[in-house]
């Protein structure tokens, strides 16, 4: 090894440590993936938020809303659920006295319908079976194998 290279070797090694080894040592390991059970809990929370928001909207306007944007005004946490990947579909009758809500995520599919303030339909389909996902009691529908 030449004397010139020996003189700069400590600086080269120091730069290597600073650039490659220290960031790897201090890197925090954080998991951003969600489990199917947490996804299903989010879907259950979202269907309840949609239901409460529809009821508030109905009491304020005399009819249910077919627009998710109207419900976000009633319930700000609903916007967070939508940002996290939960899908909400709404359909309202022409007279505005009944509504149908479908909430889906990769693990669960939930349906709730109200007519004149009473729940007339409620169902749950587990999309990812065998993943620790569960539906609320009495609303479970098994997923169809395709």
C-alpha atoms as a PDB file:
ATOM      1  CA  UNK A   1       0.000   0.000   0.000  1.00  0.00           C
ATOM      2  CA  UNK A   2       1.334   3.398  -0.866  1.00  0.00           C
ATOM      3  CA  UNK A   3       2.016   5.939   1.920  1.00  0.00           C
ATOM      4  CA  UNK A   4      -0.505   8.324   0.341  1.00  0.00           C
ATOM      5  CA  UNK A   5      -3.287   5.722   0.586  1.00  0.00           C
ATOM      6  CA  UNK A   6      -2.356   4.796   4.178  1.00  0.00           C
ATOM      7  CA  UNK A   7      -2.649   8.425   5.197  1.00  0.00           C
ATOM      8  CA  UNK A   8      -6.220   8.704   3.835  1.00  0.00           C
ATOM      9  CA  UNK A   9      -7.397   5.213   4.897  1.00  0.00           C
ATOM     10  CA  UNK A  10      -8.819   6.367   8.284  1.00  0.00           C
ATOM     11  CA  UNK A  11     -10.830   9.084   6.512  1.00  0.00           C
ATOM     12  CA  UNK A  12     -12.137   6.615   3.932  1.00  0.00           C
ATOM     13  CA  UNK A  13     -13.154   4.154   6.655  1.00  0.00           C
ATOM     14  CA  UNK A  14     -14.786   6.946   8.672  1.00  0.00           C
ATOM     15  CA  UNK A  15     -16.793   8.074   5.662  1.00  0.00           C
ATOM     16  CA  UNK A  16     -17.888   4.476   5.010  1.00  0.00           C
ATOM     17  CA  UNK A  17     -19.067   4.106   8.616  1.00  0.00           C
ATOM     18  CA  UNK A  18     -20.931   7.417   8.517  1.00  0.00           C
ATOM     19  CA  UNK A  19     -22.598   6.732   5.187  1.00  0.00           C
ATOM     20  CA  UNK A  20     -23.501   3.048   5.474  1.00  0.00           C
ATOM     21  CA  UNK A  21     -23.224   1.580   8.949  1.00  0.00           C
ATOM     22  CA  UNK A  22     -24.597   4.308  11.233  1.00  0.00           C
ATOM     23  CA  UNK A  23     -27.879   4.804   9.316  1.00  0.00           C
ATOM     24  CA  UNK A  24     -28.445   1.045   9.367  1.00  0.00           C
ATOM     25  CA  UNK A  25     -27.839   0.902  13.125  1.00  0.00           C
ATOM     26  CA  UNK A  26     -30.121   3.808  13.997  1.00  0.00           C
ATOM     27  CA  UNK A  27     -32.898   2.996  11.573  1.00  0.00           C
ATOM     28  CA  UNK A  28     -36.111   2.401  13.478  1.00  0.00           C
ATOM     29  CA  UNK A  29     -38.044  -0.619  12.389  1.00  0.00           C
ATOM     30  CA  UNK A  30     -41.697   0.285  11.999  1.00  0.00           C
ATOM     31  CA  UNK A  31     -44.302  -1.875  10.402  1.00  0.00           C
ATOM     32  CA  UNK A  32     -46.889  -0.019   8.341  1.00  0.00           C
ATOM     33  CA  UNK A  33     -48.811  -3.097   7.294  1.00  0.00           C
ATOM     34  CA  UNK A  34     -52.137  -3.724   8.931  1.00  0.00           C
ATOM     35  CA  UNK A  35     -53.491  -7.108   9.813  1.00  0.00           C
ATOM     36  CA  UNK A  36     -56.829  -8.358   8.497  1.00  0.00           C
ATOM     37  CA  UNK A  37     -58.289  -8.178  12.005  1.00  0.00           C
ATOM     38  CA  UNK A  38     -57.417  -4.479  12.337  1.00  0.00           C
ATOM     39  CA  UNK A  39     -58.825  -3.879   8.857  1.00  0.00           C
ATOM     40  CA  UNK A  40     -62.085  -5.563   9.837  1.00  0.00           C
ATOM     41  CA  UNK A  41     -62.251  -3.468  13.013  1.00  0.00           C
ATOM     42  CA  UNK A  42     -61.867  -0.347  10.856  1.00  0.00           C
ATOM     43  CA  UNK A  43     -64.669  -1.505   8.561  1.00  0.00           C
ATOM     44  CA  UNK A  44     -66.967  -2.110  11.542  1.00  0.00           C
ATOM     45  CA  UNK A  45     -66.123   1.323  12.911  1.00  0.00           C
ATOM     46  CA  UNK A  46     -66.772   2.882   9.511  1.00  0.00           C
ATOM     47  CA  UNK A  47     -70.204   1.287   9.025  1.00  0.00           C
ATOM     48  CA  UNK A  48     -71.214   2.619  12.444  1.00  0.00           C
ATOM     49  CA  UNK A  49     -69.876   6.083  11.565  1.00  0.00           C
ATOM     50  CA  UNK A  50     -71.818   6.051   8.299  1.00  0.00           C
ATOM     51  CA  UNK A  51     -74.972   4.964  10.116  1.00  0.00           C
ATOM     52  CA  UNK A  52     -74.710   7.654  12.795  1.00  0.00           C
ATOM     53  CA  UNK A  53     -73.857  10.285  10.178  1.00  0.00           C
ATOM     54  CA  UNK A  54     -76.852   9.301   8.050  1.00  0.00           C
ATOM     55  CA  UNK A  55     -79.118   9.541  11.086  1.00  0.00           C
ATOM     56  CA  UNK A  56     -77.752  13.007  11.960  1.00  0.00           C
ATOM     57  CA  UNK A  57     -78.128  14.125   8.358  1.00  0.00           C
ATOM     58  CA  UNK A  58     -81.683  12.789   8.249  1.00  0.00           C
ATOM     59  CA  UNK A  59     -82.668  14.583  11.448  1.00  0.00           C
ATOM     60  CA  UNK A  60     -81.168  17.842  10.149  1.00  0.00           C
ATOM     61  CA  UNK A  61     -82.478  17.683   6.551  1.00  0.00           C
ATOM     62  CA  UNK A  62     -85.506  15.388   6.717  1.00  0.00           C
ATOM     63  CA  UNK A  63     -83.975  12.822   4.350  1.00  0.00           C
ATOM     64  CA  UNK A  64     -80.938  10.572   4.068  1.00  0.00           C
ATOM     65  CA  UNK A  65     -77.953  11.622   1.964  1.00  0.00           C
ATOM     66  CA  UNK A  66     -76.623   9.693  -1.014  1.00  0.00           C
ATOM     67  CA  UNK A  67     -73.325  11.598  -0.964  1.00  0.00           C
ATOM     68  CA  UNK A  68     -70.394  10.492   1.184  1.00  0.00           C
ATOM     69  CA  UNK A  69     -69.175  14.104   1.176  1.00  0.00           C
ATOM     70  CA  UNK A  70     -72.290  15.144   3.113  1.00  0.00           C
ATOM     71  CA  UNK A  71     -71.540  12.499   5.719  1.00  0.00           C
ATOM     72  CA  UNK A  72     -67.948  13.646   6.143  1.00  0.00           C
ATOM     73  CA  UNK A  73     -69.335  17.006   7.253  1.00  0.00           C
ATOM     74  CA  UNK A  74     -71.358  15.148   9.898  1.00  0.00           C
ATOM     75  CA  UNK A  75     -68.452  12.893  10.963  1.00  0.00           C
ATOM     76  CA  UNK A  76     -64.861  14.009  10.421  1.00  0.00           C
ATOM     77  CA  UNK A  77     -63.341  10.623  11.457  1.00  0.00           C
ATOM     78  CA  UNK A  78     -65.051   9.141   8.396  1.00  0.00           C
ATOM     79  CA  UNK A  79     -62.587  11.023   6.187  1.00  0.00           C
ATOM     80  CA  UNK A  80     -59.683   9.326   7.962  1.00  0.00           C
ATOM     81  CA  UNK A  81     -61.220   5.891   7.387  1.00  0.00           C
ATOM     82  CA  UNK A  82     -61.649   6.645   3.702  1.00  0.00           C
ATOM     83  CA  UNK A  83     -58.022   7.751   3.489  1.00  0.00           C
ATOM     84  CA  UNK A  84     -56.937   4.439   5.019  1.00  0.00           C
ATOM     85  CA  UNK A  85     -58.512   2.406   2.225  1.00  0.00           C
ATOM     86  CA  UNK A  86     -62.043   1.684   3.410  1.00  0.00           C
ATOM     87  CA  UNK A  87     -64.572   2.017   0.585  1.00  0.00           C
ATOM     88  CA  UNK A  88     -68.077   3.371   1.196  1.00  0.00           C
ATOM     89  CA  UNK A  89     -70.983   3.202  -1.252  1.00  0.00           C
ATOM     90  CA  UNK A  90     -74.348   4.786  -0.538  1.00  0.00           C
ATOM     91  CA  UNK A  91     -77.719   4.521  -2.202  1.00  0.00           C
ATOM     92  CA  UNK A  92     -80.797   6.423  -1.077  1.00  0.00           C
ATOM     93  CA  UNK A  93     -84.413   5.925  -2.095  1.00  0.00           C
ATOM     94  CA  UNK A  94     -86.028   8.610  -4.239  1.00  0.00           C
ATOM     95  CA  UNK A  95     -88.119   9.866  -1.319  1.00  0.00           C
ATOM     96  CA  UNK A  96     -85.010   9.941   0.920  1.00  0.00           C
ATOM     97  CA  UNK A  97     -86.611   7.843   3.667  1.00  0.00           C
ATOM     98  CA  UNK A  98     -84.388   4.791   3.292  1.00  0.00           C
ATOM     99  CA  UNK A  99     -80.738   4.206   2.555  1.00  0.00           C
ATOM    100  CA  UNK A 100     -78.331   1.386   1.805  1.00  0.00           C
ATOM    101  CA  UNK A 101     -74.647   1.535   2.805  1.00  0.00           C
ATOM    102  CA  UNK A 102     -71.893  -0.817   1.691  1.00  0.00           C
ATOM    103  CA  UNK A 103     -68.530  -0.633   3.469  1.00  0.00           C
ATOM    104  CA  UNK A 104     -65.636  -2.708   2.146  1.00  0.00           C
ATOM    105  CA  UNK A 105     -62.011  -3.296   2.905  1.00  0.00           C
ATOM    106  CA  UNK A 106     -59.682  -6.130   1.881  1.00  0.00           C
ATOM    107  CA  UNK A 107     -60.852  -8.328   4.782  1.00  0.00           C
ATOM    108  CA  UNK A 108     -64.557  -7.602   5.225  1.00  0.00           C
ATOM    109  CA  UNK A 109     -67.677  -6.441   3.402  1.00  0.00           C
ATOM    110  CA  UNK A 110     -70.526  -4.931   5.431  1.00  0.00           C
ATOM    111  CA  UNK A 111     -74.039  -3.863   4.415  1.00  0.00           C
ATOM    112  CA  UNK A 112     -76.569  -1.891   6.427  1.00  0.00           C
ATOM    113  CA  UNK A 113     -79.919  -0.521   5.315  1.00  0.00           C
ATOM    114  CA  UNK A 114     -82.440   1.631   7.145  1.00  0.00           C
ATOM    115  CA  UNK A 115     -86.011   2.476   6.299  1.00  0.00           C
ATOM    116  CA  UNK A 116     -87.852   5.145   8.298  1.00  0.00           C
ATOM    117  CA  UNK A 117     -85.147   5.025  10.976  1.00  0.00           C
ATOM    118  CA  UNK A 118     -85.203   1.258  11.521  1.00  0.00           C
ATOM    119  CA  UNK A 119     -82.489  -1.160  10.410  1.00  0.00           C
ATOM    120  CA  UNK A 120     -84.110  -3.404   7.802  1.00  0.00           C
ATOM    121  CA  UNK A 121     -81.019  -5.226   6.535  1.00  0.00           C
ATOM    122  CA  UNK A 122     -77.573  -5.923   7.927  1.00  0.00           C
ATOM    123  CA  UNK A 123     -75.044  -8.411   6.652  1.00  0.00           C
ATOM    124  CA  UNK A 124     -71.359  -9.167   6.774  1.00  0.00           C
ATOM    125  CA  UNK A 125     -69.151 -11.184   4.436  1.00  0.00           C
ATOM    126  CA  UNK A 126     -65.651 -12.249   5.414  1.00  0.00           C
ATOM    127  CA  UNK A 127     -63.513 -11.767   2.320  1.00  0.00           C
ATOM    128  CA  UNK A 128     -60.290 -13.182   3.807  1.00  0.00           C
ATOM    129  CA  UNK A 129     -61.283 -16.353   5.603  1.00  0.00           C
ATOM    130  CA  UNK A 130     -58.913 -17.940   8.086  1.00  0.00           C
ATOM    131  CA  UNK A 131     -57.257 -14.650   8.961  1.00  0.00           C
ATOM    132  CA  UNK A 132     -58.751 -13.986  12.390  1.00  0.00           C
ATOM    133  CA  UNK A 133     -61.473 -11.751  10.970  1.00  0.00           C
ATOM    134  CA  UNK A 134     -64.888 -11.949  12.558  1.00  0.00           C
ATOM    135  CA  UNK A 135     -68.269 -10.420  11.858  1.00  0.00           C
ATOM    136  CA  UNK A 136     -70.678  -9.080  14.453  1.00  0.00           C
ATOM    137  CA  UNK A 137     -73.059 -11.708  15.834  1.00  0.00           C
ATOM    138  CA  UNK A 138     -76.086 -12.683  13.696  1.00  0.00           C
ATOM    139  CA  UNK A 139     -74.865 -10.872  10.577  1.00  0.00           C
ATOM    140  CA  UNK A 140     -72.281 -13.356   9.302  1.00  0.00           C
ATOM    141  CA  UNK A 141     -72.518 -14.601   5.744  1.00  0.00           C
ATOM    142  CA  UNK A 142     -69.816 -17.030   4.591  1.00  0.00           C
ATOM    143  CA  UNK A 143     -67.691 -15.948   1.655  1.00  0.00           C
ATOM    144  CA  UNK A 144     -68.442 -17.762  -1.585  1.00  0.00           C
ATOM    145  CA  UNK A 145     -65.588 -19.743  -3.092  1.00  0.00           C
ATOM    146  CA  UNK A 146     -64.966 -18.861  -6.706  1.00  0.00           C
END
